Structures are given as structure tokens and as C-alpha cells.
Amino acid sequence: MACFSAVTIFGIVLFALRKRFPRQWHINWLIVMIFGGALALTVEHIAHGEIVPWPPFLTAMANPADTAAMFAEIVSVGIPMAIALVLVWAVLVVAYEKTVAVRPAVAGA
């Protein structure tokens, strides 16, 4: 329903604070991963009729019982999704720093 909203909010916060992270953390990689995934999920939710162009925009918010289920999904799916993205990003950064970043420059290349 709205699991992408937790990840999107996380991405917005990271985007606002991106200059506070060390350059070698490649925080922009995480931001791109987050917004790319959120965009894909938004398109999927539109295709399944869970997001509509009229208020309340999220069909789950039209019924109070569905709204409770929506918030439960945000907590049970959206937050673990954000954690999984951070873990994948961390693996990518460590792998990059151990391989590409430490490789000496080749003379004449």
C-alpha cells in the first residue's frame, strides 16, 4: 500500500544531510538506490490502483480499517526495506573501497 513512503522519507532526510557524510561513504549511491526503488514502487502501486490522482491519493486512507493496515505495512515492510538498502549499500561501499579505491594508478593509462 504505502511501504515506499518510509523509504522515501528516509531518502529525503539523507538528501538533506548528504554534505555531512564523509566523501568515501558514497552517500549519493544510497540516495540514488533509495529514490530509484521508491520510484519503481510508486509506479507499481499506481499500476495496481493503490495510488490515485484524487484525494486521499492512497486508496487505503479512504477506510479507517485499511489505514491501520497501511501503517502496519509501512512499519513491517517499509522499514525493513530501508534497512536492506542500507546493508546492500554498505557492502557496495566496502567492496569498492577494498578493490577500486586502493588500486594504484597505472602509468601511461
PDB file of N, CA and C in Angstrom:
ATOM      1  N   MET A   1       0.817  -1.192   0.000  1.00  0.00           N
ATOM      2  CA  MET A   1       0.000   0.000   0.000  1.00  0.00           C
ATOM      3  C   MET A   1       0.861   1.256   0.000  1.00  0.00           C
ATOM      4  N   ALA A   2       1.612   1.470   1.046  1.00  0.00           N
ATOM      5  CA  ALA A   2       2.415   2.692   1.126  1.00  0.00           C
ATOM      6  C   ALA A   2       3.786   2.414   1.722  1.00  0.00           C
ATOM      7  N   CYS A   3       4.277   1.200   1.523  1.00  0.00           N
ATOM      8  CA  CYS A   3       5.570   0.833   2.112  1.00  0.00           C
ATOM      9  C   CYS A   3       6.697   1.731   1.600  1.00  0.00           C
ATOM     10  N   PHE A   4       6.528   2.250   0.379  1.00  0.00           N
ATOM     11  CA  PHE A   4       7.559   3.103  -0.203  1.00  0.00           C
ATOM     12  C   PHE A   4       7.695   4.432   0.534  1.00  0.00           C
ATOM     13  N   SER A   5       6.683   4.825   1.302  1.00  0.00           N
ATOM     14  CA  SER A   5       6.738   6.128   1.975  1.00  0.00           C
ATOM     15  C   SER A   5       7.832   6.173   3.048  1.00  0.00           C
ATOM     16  N   ALA A   6       8.063   5.081   3.764  1.00  0.00           N
ATOM     17  CA  ALA A   6       9.127   5.056   4.779  1.00  0.00           C
ATOM     18  C   ALA A   6      10.491   5.232   4.120  1.00  0.00           C
ATOM     19  N   VAL A   7      10.686   4.544   3.009  1.00  0.00           N
ATOM     20  CA  VAL A   7      11.958   4.640   2.294  1.00  0.00           C
ATOM     21  C   VAL A   7      12.123   6.026   1.689  1.00  0.00           C
ATOM     22  N   THR A   8      11.043   6.600   1.156  1.00  0.00           N
ATOM     23  CA  THR A   8      11.103   7.935   0.558  1.00  0.00           C
ATOM     24  C   THR A   8      11.449   8.990   1.604  1.00  0.00           C
ATOM     25  N   ILE A   9      10.847   8.915   2.758  1.00  0.00           N
ATOM     26  CA  ILE A   9      11.152   9.870   3.832  1.00  0.00           C
ATOM     27  C   ILE A   9      12.611   9.727   4.254  1.00  0.00           C
ATOM     28  N   PHE A  10      13.094   8.499   4.358  1.00  0.00           N
ATOM     29  CA  PHE A  10      14.497   8.246   4.678  1.00  0.00           C
ATOM     30  C   PHE A  10      15.406   8.876   3.615  1.00  0.00           C
ATOM     31  N   GLY A  11      15.033   8.721   2.348  1.00  0.00           N
ATOM     32  CA  GLY A  11      15.813   9.308   1.258  1.00  0.00           C
ATOM     33  C   GLY A  11      15.832  10.824   1.309  1.00  0.00           C
ATOM     34  N   ILE A  12      14.710  11.436   1.641  1.00  0.00           N
ATOM     35  CA  ILE A  12      14.642  12.895   1.734  1.00  0.00           C
ATOM     36  C   ILE A  12      15.546  13.394   2.859  1.00  0.00           C
ATOM     37  N   VAL A  13      15.518  12.707   3.993  1.00  0.00           N
ATOM     38  CA  VAL A  13      16.384  13.094   5.122  1.00  0.00           C
ATOM     39  C   VAL A  13      17.859  12.951   4.737  1.00  0.00           C
ATOM     40  N   LEU A  14      18.211  11.832   4.109  1.00  0.00           N
ATOM     41  CA  LEU A  14      19.598  11.634   3.683  1.00  0.00           C
ATOM     42  C   LEU A  14      20.028  12.692   2.666  1.00  0.00           C
ATOM     43  N   PHE A  15      19.134  13.018   1.724  1.00  0.00           N
ATOM     44  CA  PHE A  15      19.449  14.028   0.727  1.00  0.00           C
ATOM     45  C   PHE A  15      19.723  15.370   1.395  1.00  0.00           C
ATOM     46  N   ALA A  16      18.936  15.729   2.388  1.00  0.00           N
ATOM     47  CA  ALA A  16      19.119  16.997   3.095  1.00  0.00           C
ATOM     48  C   ALA A  16      20.430  17.026   3.882  1.00  0.00           C
ATOM     49  N   LEU A  17      20.858  15.863   4.376  1.00  0.00           N
ATOM     50  CA  LEU A  17      22.058  15.792   5.217  1.00  0.00           C
ATOM     51  C   LEU A  17      23.290  15.264   4.479  1.00  0.00           C
ATOM     52  N   ARG A  18      23.207  15.087   3.163  1.00  0.00           N
ATOM     53  CA  ARG A  18      24.264  14.403   2.405  1.00  0.00           C
ATOM     54  C   ARG A  18      25.637  15.041   2.537  1.00  0.00           C
ATOM     55  N   LYS A  19      25.728  16.337   2.732  1.00  0.00           N
ATOM     56  CA  LYS A  19      27.032  17.002   2.833  1.00  0.00           C
ATOM     57  C   LYS A  19      27.722  16.736   4.168  1.00  0.00           C
ATOM     58  N   ARG A  20      27.007  16.173   5.112  1.00  0.00           N
ATOM     59  CA  ARG A  20      27.587  15.882   6.429  1.00  0.00           C
ATOM     60  C   ARG A  20      28.307  14.537   6.477  1.00  0.00           C
ATOM     61  N   PHE A  21      28.177  13.746   5.427  1.00  0.00           N
ATOM     62  CA  PHE A  21      28.795  12.427   5.392  1.00  0.00           C
ATOM     63  C   PHE A  21      30.160  12.506   4.714  1.00  0.00           C
ATOM     64  N   PRO A  22      31.120  11.718   5.161  1.00  0.00           N
ATOM     65  CA  PRO A  22      32.433  11.697   4.508  1.00  0.00           C
ATOM     66  C   PRO A  22      32.312  11.261   3.045  1.00  0.00           C
ATOM     67  N   ARG A  23      33.157  11.809   2.215  1.00  0.00           N
ATOM     68  CA  ARG A  23      33.125  11.524   0.774  1.00  0.00           C
ATOM     69  C   ARG A  23      33.282  10.030   0.480  1.00  0.00           C
ATOM     70  N   GLN A  24      34.130   9.347   1.244  1.00  0.00           N
ATOM     71  CA  GLN A  24      34.392   7.933   0.977  1.00  0.00           C
ATOM     72  C   GLN A  24      33.198   7.041   1.316  1.00  0.00           C
ATOM     73  N   TRP A  25      32.170   7.571   1.920  1.00  0.00           N
ATOM     74  CA  TRP A  25      30.974   6.782   2.193  1.00  0.00           C
ATOM     75  C   TRP A  25      30.064   6.677   0.975  1.00  0.00           C
ATOM     76  N   HIS A  26      30.286   7.510  -0.020  1.00  0.00           N
ATOM     77  CA  HIS A  26      29.489   7.480  -1.257  1.00  0.00           C
ATOM     78  C   HIS A  26      27.993   7.504  -0.937  1.00  0.00           C
ATOM     79  N   ILE A  27      27.589   8.466  -0.126  1.00  0.00           N
ATOM     80  CA  ILE A  27      26.192   8.549   0.311  1.00  0.00           C
ATOM     81  C   ILE A  27      25.247   8.777  -0.864  1.00  0.00           C
ATOM     82  N   ASN A  28      25.758   9.382  -1.941  1.00  0.00           N
ATOM     83  CA  ASN A  28      24.910   9.588  -3.117  1.00  0.00           C
ATOM     84  C   ASN A  28      24.477   8.262  -3.739  1.00  0.00           C
ATOM     85  N   TRP A  29      25.287   7.222  -3.601  1.00  0.00           N
ATOM     86  CA  TRP A  29      24.888   5.907  -4.093  1.00  0.00           C
ATOM     87  C   TRP A  29      23.626   5.443  -3.377  1.00  0.00           C
ATOM     88  N   LEU A  30      23.622   5.614  -2.061  1.00  0.00           N
ATOM     89  CA  LEU A  30      22.464   5.199  -1.268  1.00  0.00           C
ATOM     90  C   LEU A  30      21.240   6.023  -1.638  1.00  0.00           C
ATOM     91  N   ILE A  31      21.424   7.309  -1.828  1.00  0.00           N
ATOM     92  CA  ILE A  31      20.305   8.181  -2.183  1.00  0.00           C
ATOM     93  C   ILE A  31      19.710   7.762  -3.519  1.00  0.00           C
ATOM     94  N   VAL A  32      20.552   7.463  -4.496  1.00  0.00           N
ATOM     95  CA  VAL A  32      20.062   7.016  -5.804  1.00  0.00           C
ATOM     96  C   VAL A  32      19.339   5.674  -5.675  1.00  0.00           C
ATOM     97  N   MET A  33      19.881   4.767  -4.883  1.00  0.00           N
ATOM     98  CA  MET A  33      19.234   3.471  -4.671  1.00  0.00           C
ATOM     99  C   MET A  33      17.848   3.661  -4.041  1.00  0.00           C
ATOM    100  N   ILE A  34      17.778   4.537  -3.055  1.00  0.00           N
ATOM    101  CA  ILE A  34      16.513   4.770  -2.357  1.00  0.00           C
ATOM    102  C   ILE A  34      15.474   5.375  -3.297  1.00  0.00           C
ATOM    103  N   PHE A  35      15.829   6.452  -3.983  1.00  0.00           N
ATOM    104  CA  PHE A  35      14.844   7.104  -4.833  1.00  0.00           C
ATOM    105  C   PHE A  35      14.503   6.271  -6.066  1.00  0.00           C
ATOM    106  N   GLY A  36      15.442   5.496  -6.575  1.00  0.00           N
ATOM    107  CA  GLY A  36      15.137   4.600  -7.680  1.00  0.00           C
ATOM    108  C   GLY A  36      14.135   3.533  -7.272  1.00  0.00           C
ATOM    109  N   GLY A  37      14.358   2.938  -6.114  1.00  0.00           N
ATOM    110  CA  GLY A  37      13.429   1.932  -5.611  1.00  0.00           C
ATOM    111  C   GLY A  37      12.070   2.523  -5.275  1.00  0.00           C
ATOM    112  N   ALA A  38      12.064   3.708  -4.676  1.00  0.00           N
ATOM    113  CA  ALA A  38      10.794   4.361  -4.330  1.00  0.00           C
ATOM    114  C   ALA A  38      10.006   4.706  -5.594  1.00  0.00           C
ATOM    115  N   LEU A  39      10.704   5.152  -6.627  1.00  0.00           N
ATOM    116  CA  LEU A  39      10.030   5.460  -7.886  1.00  0.00           C
ATOM    117  C   LEU A  39       9.434   4.195  -8.509  1.00  0.00           C
ATOM    118  N   ALA A  40      10.194   3.114  -8.513  1.00  0.00           N
ATOM    119  CA  ALA A  40       9.693   1.850  -9.059  1.00  0.00           C
ATOM    120  C   ALA A  40       8.466   1.363  -8.276  1.00  0.00           C
ATOM    121  N   LEU A  41       8.518   1.456  -6.955  1.00  0.00           N
ATOM    122  CA  LEU A  41       7.372   1.041  -6.141  1.00  0.00           C
ATOM    123  C   LEU A  41       6.172   1.955  -6.344  1.00  0.00           C
ATOM    124  N   THR A  42       6.411   3.237  -6.534  1.00  0.00           N
ATOM    125  CA  THR A  42       5.312   4.167  -6.791  1.00  0.00           C
ATOM    126  C   THR A  42       4.609   3.814  -8.097  1.00  0.00           C
ATOM    127  N   VAL A  43       5.389   3.548  -9.140  1.00  0.00           N
ATOM    128  CA  VAL A  43       4.803   3.151 -10.428  1.00  0.00           C
ATOM    129  C   VAL A  43       4.007   1.855 -10.271  1.00  0.00           C
ATOM    130  N   GLU A  44       4.549   0.904  -9.537  1.00  0.00           N
ATOM    131  CA  GLU A  44       3.850  -0.366  -9.320  1.00  0.00           C
ATOM    132  C   GLU A  44       2.543  -0.142  -8.559  1.00  0.00           C
ATOM    133  N   HIS A  45       2.557   0.712  -7.561  1.00  0.00           N
ATOM    134  CA  HIS A  45       1.342   0.977  -6.787  1.00  0.00           C
ATOM    135  C   HIS A  45       0.307   1.722  -7.631  1.00  0.00           C
ATOM    136  N   ILE A  46       0.753   2.612  -8.508  1.00  0.00           N
ATOM    137  CA  ILE A  46      -0.181   3.292  -9.421  1.00  0.00           C
ATOM    138  C   ILE A  46      -0.804   2.269 -10.361  1.00  0.00           C
ATOM    139  N   ALA A  47       0.012   1.371 -10.895  1.00  0.00           N
ATOM    140  CA  ALA A  47      -0.482   0.351 -11.824  1.00  0.00           C
ATOM    141  C   ALA A  47      -1.515  -0.569 -11.173  1.00  0.00           C
ATOM    142  N   HIS A  48      -1.395  -0.786  -9.872  1.00  0.00           N
ATOM    143  CA  HIS A  48      -2.342  -1.656  -9.174  1.00  0.00           C
ATOM    144  C   HIS A  48      -3.499  -0.881  -8.539  1.00  0.00           C
ATOM    145  N   GLY A  49      -3.588   0.415  -8.806  1.00  0.00           N
ATOM    146  CA  GLY A  49      -4.707   1.211  -8.322  1.00  0.00           C
ATOM    147  C   GLY A  49      -4.644   1.562  -6.851  1.00  0.00           C
ATOM    148  N   GLU A  50      -3.478   1.438  -6.225  1.00  0.00           N
ATOM    149  CA  GLU A  50      -3.354   1.771  -4.806  1.00  0.00           C
ATOM    150  C   GLU A  50      -3.055   3.255  -4.597  1.00  0.00           C
ATOM    151  N   ILE A  51      -2.592   3.919  -5.646  1.00  0.00           N
ATOM    152  CA  ILE A  51      -2.383   5.368  -5.634  1.00  0.00           C
ATOM    153  C   ILE A  51      -3.233   5.926  -6.767  1.00  0.00           C
ATOM    154  N   VAL A  52      -4.022   6.954  -6.446  1.00  0.00           N
ATOM    155  CA  VAL A  52      -4.916   7.562  -7.432  1.00  0.00           C
ATOM    156  C   VAL A  52      -4.684   9.068  -7.468  1.00  0.00           C
ATOM    157  N   PRO A  53      -5.072   9.742  -8.567  1.00  0.00           N
ATOM    158  CA  PRO A  53      -4.810  11.185  -8.678  1.00  0.00           C
ATOM    159  C   PRO A  53      -5.841  12.078  -7.986  1.00  0.00           C
ATOM    160  N   TRP A  54      -6.660  11.546  -7.102  1.00  0.00           N
ATOM    161  CA  TRP A  54      -7.627  12.356  -6.370  1.00  0.00           C
ATOM    162  C   TRP A  54      -7.504  12.031  -4.877  1.00  0.00           C
ATOM    163  N   PRO A  55      -7.875  12.989  -4.035  1.00  0.00           N
ATOM    164  CA  PRO A  55      -7.765  12.758  -2.589  1.00  0.00           C
ATOM    165  C   PRO A  55      -8.573  11.547  -2.161  1.00  0.00           C
ATOM    166  N   PRO A  56      -8.103  10.787  -1.244  1.00  0.00           N
ATOM    167  CA  PRO A  56      -6.932  10.928  -0.387  1.00  0.00           C
ATOM    168  C   PRO A  56      -5.641  10.367  -1.002  1.00  0.00           C
ATOM    169  N   PHE A  57      -5.592  10.152  -2.306  1.00  0.00           N
ATOM    170  CA  PHE A  57      -4.424   9.712  -3.076  1.00  0.00           C
ATOM    171  C   PHE A  57      -4.014   8.264  -2.796  1.00  0.00           C
ATOM    172  N   LEU A  58      -3.973   7.869  -1.558  1.00  0.00           N
ATOM    173  CA  LEU A  58      -3.732   6.459  -1.219  1.00  0.00           C
ATOM    174  C   LEU A  58      -5.093   5.844  -0.935  1.00  0.00           C
ATOM    175  N   THR A  59      -5.474   4.852  -1.719  1.00  0.00           N
ATOM    176  CA  THR A  59      -6.808   4.269  -1.566  1.00  0.00           C
ATOM    177  C   THR A  59      -7.020   3.664  -0.182  1.00  0.00           C
ATOM    178  N   ALA A  60      -5.960   3.277   0.473  1.00  0.00           N
ATOM    179  CA  ALA A  60      -6.072   2.695   1.816  1.00  0.00           C
ATOM    180  C   ALA A  60      -6.512   3.722   2.851  1.00  0.00           C
ATOM    181  N   MET A  61      -6.384   4.996   2.541  1.00  0.00           N
ATOM    182  CA  MET A  61      -6.768   6.018   3.514  1.00  0.00           C
ATOM    183  C   MET A  61      -8.261   6.344   3.456  1.00  0.00           C
ATOM    184  N   ALA A  62      -8.989   5.770   2.514  1.00  0.00           N
ATOM    185  CA  ALA A  62     -10.417   6.029   2.400  1.00  0.00           C
ATOM    186  C   ALA A  62     -11.213   5.318   3.490  1.00  0.00           C
ATOM    187  N   ASN A  63     -10.677   4.233   4.017  1.00  0.00           N
ATOM    188  CA  ASN A  63     -11.356   3.438   5.026  1.00  0.00           C
ATOM    189  C   ASN A  63     -10.442   3.347   6.257  1.00  0.00           C
ATOM    190  N   PRO A  64     -10.942   3.716   7.444  1.00  0.00           N
ATOM    191  CA  PRO A  64     -10.089   3.668   8.646  1.00  0.00           C
ATOM    192  C   PRO A  64      -9.471   2.303   8.924  1.00  0.00           C
ATOM    193  N   ALA A  65     -10.163   1.238   8.620  1.00  0.00           N
ATOM    194  CA  ALA A  65      -9.605  -0.106   8.844  1.00  0.00           C
ATOM    195  C   ALA A  65      -8.422  -0.351   7.910  1.00  0.00           C
ATOM    196  N   ASP A  66      -8.553   0.120   6.663  1.00  0.00           N
ATOM    197  CA  ASP A  66      -7.446  -0.023   5.709  1.00  0.00           C
ATOM    198  C   ASP A  66      -6.269   0.864   6.078  1.00  0.00           C
ATOM    199  N   THR A  67      -6.563   2.014   6.692  1.00  0.00           N
ATOM    200  CA  THR A  67      -5.489   2.919   7.103  1.00  0.00           C
ATOM    201  C   THR A  67      -4.613   2.270   8.164  1.00  0.00           C
ATOM    202  N   ALA A  68      -5.221   1.571   9.098  1.00  0.00           N
ATOM    203  CA  ALA A  68      -4.444   0.861  10.123  1.00  0.00           C
ATOM    204  C   ALA A  68      -3.567  -0.204   9.483  1.00  0.00           C
ATOM    205  N   ALA A  69      -4.104  -0.915   8.506  1.00  0.00           N
ATOM    206  CA  ALA A  69      -3.317  -1.926   7.799  1.00  0.00           C
ATOM    207  C   ALA A  69      -2.179  -1.279   7.011  1.00  0.00           C
ATOM    208  N   MET A  70      -2.439  -0.089   6.460  1.00  0.00           N
ATOM    209  CA  MET A  70      -1.407   0.631   5.708  1.00  0.00           C
ATOM    210  C   MET A  70      -0.237   1.006   6.623  1.00  0.00           C
ATOM    211  N   PHE A  71      -0.539   1.535   7.796  1.00  0.00           N
ATOM    212  CA  PHE A  71       0.546   1.902   8.721  1.00  0.00           C
ATOM    213  C   PHE A  71       1.304   0.664   9.212  1.00  0.00           C
ATOM    214  N   ALA A  72       0.596  -0.431   9.391  1.00  0.00           N
ATOM    215  CA  ALA A  72       1.265  -1.681   9.777  1.00  0.00           C
ATOM    216  C   ALA A  72       2.207  -2.134   8.665  1.00  0.00           C
ATOM    217  N   GLU A  73       1.794  -1.967   7.407  1.00  0.00           N
ATOM    218  CA  GLU A  73       2.656  -2.335   6.292  1.00  0.00           C
ATOM    219  C   GLU A  73       3.876  -1.426   6.189  1.00  0.00           C
ATOM    220  N   ILE A  74       3.689  -0.139   6.460  1.00  0.00           N
ATOM    221  CA  ILE A  74       4.824   0.777   6.429  1.00  0.00           C
ATOM    222  C   ILE A  74       5.875   0.330   7.437  1.00  0.00           C
ATOM    223  N   VAL A  75       5.429  -0.055   8.621  1.00  0.00           N
ATOM    224  CA  VAL A  75       6.359  -0.484   9.673  1.00  0.00           C
ATOM    225  C   VAL A  75       6.956  -1.854   9.372  1.00  0.00           C
ATOM    226  N   SER A  76       6.133  -2.783   8.904  1.00  0.00           N
ATOM    227  CA  SER A  76       6.617  -4.154   8.726  1.00  0.00           C
ATOM    228  C   SER A  76       7.323  -4.391   7.396  1.00  0.00           C
ATOM    229  N   VAL A  77       7.074  -3.566   6.389  1.00  0.00           N
ATOM    230  CA  VAL A  77       7.709  -3.747   5.083  1.00  0.00           C
ATOM    231  C   VAL A  77       8.639  -2.583   4.744  1.00  0.00           C
ATOM    232  N   GLY A  78       8.173  -1.356   4.945  1.00  0.00           N
ATOM    233  CA  GLY A  78       8.958  -0.186   4.562  1.00  0.00           C
ATOM    234  C   GLY A  78      10.252  -0.028   5.337  1.00  0.00           C
ATOM    235  N   ILE A  79      10.200  -0.199   6.643  1.00  0.00           N
ATOM    236  CA  ILE A  79      11.408  -0.048   7.460  1.00  0.00           C
ATOM    237  C   ILE A  79      12.414  -1.169   7.176  1.00  0.00           C
ATOM    238  N   PRO A  80      11.995  -2.447   7.117  1.00  0.00           N
ATOM    239  CA  PRO A  80      12.967  -3.481   6.732  1.00  0.00           C
ATOM    240  C   PRO A  80      13.543  -3.259   5.322  1.00  0.00           C
ATOM    241  N   MET A  81      12.744  -2.697   4.427  1.00  0.00           N
ATOM    242  CA  MET A  81      13.234  -2.399   3.082  1.00  0.00           C
ATOM    243  C   MET A  81      14.347  -1.351   3.155  1.00  0.00           C
ATOM    244  N   ALA A  82      14.155  -0.330   3.974  1.00  0.00           N
ATOM    245  CA  ALA A  82      15.180   0.704   4.140  1.00  0.00           C
ATOM    246  C   ALA A  82      16.448   0.106   4.757  1.00  0.00           C
ATOM    247  N   ILE A  83      16.283  -0.766   5.725  1.00  0.00           N
ATOM    248  CA  ILE A  83      17.443  -1.413   6.353  1.00  0.00           C
ATOM    249  C   ILE A  83      18.185  -2.284   5.344  1.00  0.00           C
ATOM    250  N   ALA A  84      17.444  -3.011   4.516  1.00  0.00           N
ATOM    251  CA  ALA A  84      18.067  -3.846   3.485  1.00  0.00           C
ATOM    252  C   ALA A  84      18.844  -2.997   2.486  1.00  0.00           C
ATOM    253  N   LEU A  85      18.296  -1.858   2.111  1.00  0.00           N
ATOM    254  CA  LEU A  85      19.004  -0.958   1.192  1.00  0.00           C
ATOM    255  C   LEU A  85      20.315  -0.463   1.809  1.00  0.00           C
ATOM    256  N   VAL A  86      20.277  -0.118   3.081  1.00  0.00           N
ATOM    257  CA  VAL A  86      21.489   0.352   3.752  1.00  0.00           C
ATOM    258  C   VAL A  86      22.532  -0.766   3.796  1.00  0.00           C
ATOM    259  N   LEU A  87      22.106  -1.990   4.065  1.00  0.00           N
ATOM    260  CA  LEU A  87      23.050  -3.106   4.107  1.00  0.00           C
ATOM    261  C   LEU A  87      23.679  -3.369   2.741  1.00  0.00           C
ATOM    262  N   VAL A  88      22.871  -3.340   1.680  1.00  0.00           N
ATOM    263  CA  VAL A  88      23.406  -3.540   0.327  1.00  0.00           C
ATOM    264  C   VAL A  88      24.371  -2.418  -0.018  1.00  0.00           C
ATOM    265  N   TRP A  89      24.002  -1.182   0.297  1.00  0.00           N
ATOM    266  CA  TRP A  89      24.867  -0.028   0.043  1.00  0.00           C
ATOM    267  C   TRP A  89      26.190  -0.174   0.801  1.00  0.00           C
ATOM    268  N   ALA A  90      26.134  -0.601   2.058  1.00  0.00           N
ATOM    269  CA  ALA A  90      27.352  -0.758   2.861  1.00  0.00           C
ATOM    270  C   ALA A  90      28.278  -1.800   2.242  1.00  0.00           C
ATOM    271  N   VAL A  91      27.714  -2.899   1.771  1.00  0.00           N
ATOM    272  CA  VAL A  91      28.522  -3.925   1.106  1.00  0.00           C
ATOM    273  C   VAL A  91      29.171  -3.350  -0.152  1.00  0.00           C
ATOM    274  N   LEU A  92      28.416  -2.585  -0.929  1.00  0.00           N
ATOM    275  CA  LEU A  92      28.968  -1.965  -2.141  1.00  0.00           C
ATOM    276  C   LEU A  92      30.106  -1.008  -1.821  1.00  0.00           C
ATOM    277  N   VAL A  93      29.935  -0.189  -0.800  1.00  0.00           N
ATOM    278  CA  VAL A  93      30.974   0.781  -0.430  1.00  0.00           C
ATOM    279  C   VAL A  93      32.229   0.056   0.048  1.00  0.00           C
ATOM    280  N   VAL A  94      32.075  -0.948   0.885  1.00  0.00           N
ATOM    281  CA  VAL A  94      33.234  -1.699   1.381  1.00  0.00           C
ATOM    282  C   VAL A  94      33.943  -2.396   0.229  1.00  0.00           C
ATOM    283  N   ALA A  95      33.182  -3.024  -0.657  1.00  0.00           N
ATOM    284  CA  ALA A  95      33.789  -3.708  -1.804  1.00  0.00           C
ATOM    285  C   ALA A  95      34.522  -2.714  -2.701  1.00  0.00           C
ATOM    286  N   TYR A  96      33.920  -1.562  -2.929  1.00  0.00           N
ATOM    287  CA  TYR A  96      34.558  -0.544  -3.759  1.00  0.00           C
ATOM    288  C   TYR A  96      35.847  -0.047  -3.117  1.00  0.00           C
ATOM    289  N   GLU A  97      35.778   0.261  -1.844  1.00  0.00           N
ATOM    290  CA  GLU A  97      36.956   0.791  -1.149  1.00  0.00           C
ATOM    291  C   GLU A  97      38.081  -0.236  -1.078  1.00  0.00           C
ATOM    292  N   LYS A  98      37.754  -1.522  -0.993  1.00  0.00           N
ATOM    293  CA  LYS A  98      38.795  -2.559  -0.919  1.00  0.00           C
ATOM    294  C   LYS A  98      39.366  -2.923  -2.277  1.00  0.00           C
ATOM    295  N   THR A  99      38.653  -2.641  -3.347  1.00  0.00           N
ATOM    296  CA  THR A  99      39.139  -3.029  -4.671  1.00  0.00           C
ATOM    297  C   THR A  99      39.532  -1.827  -5.511  1.00  0.00           C
ATOM    298  N   VAL A 100      38.584  -1.066  -5.948  1.00  0.00           N
ATOM    299  CA  VAL A 100      38.833   0.022  -6.899  1.00  0.00           C
ATOM    300  C   VAL A 100      39.574   1.194  -6.265  1.00  0.00           C
ATOM    301  N   ALA A 101      39.191   1.619  -5.100  1.00  0.00           N
ATOM    302  CA  ALA A 101      39.759   2.814  -4.492  1.00  0.00           C
ATOM    303  C   ALA A 101      41.217   2.659  -4.096  1.00  0.00           C
ATOM    304  N   VAL A 102      41.664   1.453  -3.751  1.00  0.00           N
ATOM    305  CA  VAL A 102      43.045   1.267  -3.321  1.00  0.00           C
ATOM    306  C   VAL A 102      43.968   0.860  -4.438  1.00  0.00           C
ATOM    307  N   ARG A 103      43.424   0.609  -5.605  1.00  0.00           N
ATOM    308  CA  ARG A 103      44.232   0.187  -6.749  1.00  0.00           C
ATOM    309  C   ARG A 103      45.108   1.371  -7.186  1.00  0.00           C
ATOM    310  N   PRO A 104      46.426   1.179  -7.293  1.00  0.00           N
ATOM    311  CA  PRO A 104      47.297   2.271  -7.705  1.00  0.00           C
ATOM    312  C   PRO A 104      47.041   2.639  -9.158  1.00  0.00           C
ATOM    313  N   ALA A 105      47.273   3.903  -9.461  1.00  0.00           N
ATOM    314  CA  ALA A 105      47.092   4.384 -10.827  1.00  0.00           C
ATOM    315  C   ALA A 105      48.152   3.749 -11.731  1.00  0.00           C
ATOM    316  N   VAL A 106      47.740   3.353 -12.903  1.00  0.00           N
ATOM    317  CA  VAL A 106      48.640   2.733 -13.870  1.00  0.00           C
ATOM    318  C   VAL A 106      49.297   3.842 -14.694  1.00  0.00           C
ATOM    319  N   ALA A 107      50.601   3.815 -14.762  1.00  0.00           N
ATOM    320  CA  ALA A 107      51.327   4.855 -15.506  1.00  0.00           C
ATOM    321  C   ALA A 107      51.043   4.720 -16.995  1.00  0.00           C
ATOM    322  N   GLY A 108      50.761   5.839 -17.625  1.00  0.00           N
ATOM    323  CA  GLY A 108      50.537   5.853 -19.067  1.00  0.00           C
ATOM    324  C   GLY A 108      49.164   5.385 -19.493  1.00  0.00           C
ATOM    325  N   ALA A 109      48.262   5.154 -18.551  1.00  0.00           N
ATOM    326  CA  ALA A 109      46.933   4.674 -18.928  1.00  0.00           C
ATOM    327  C   ALA A 109      45.978   5.824 -19.098  1.00  0.00           C
TER     328      ALA A 109
END
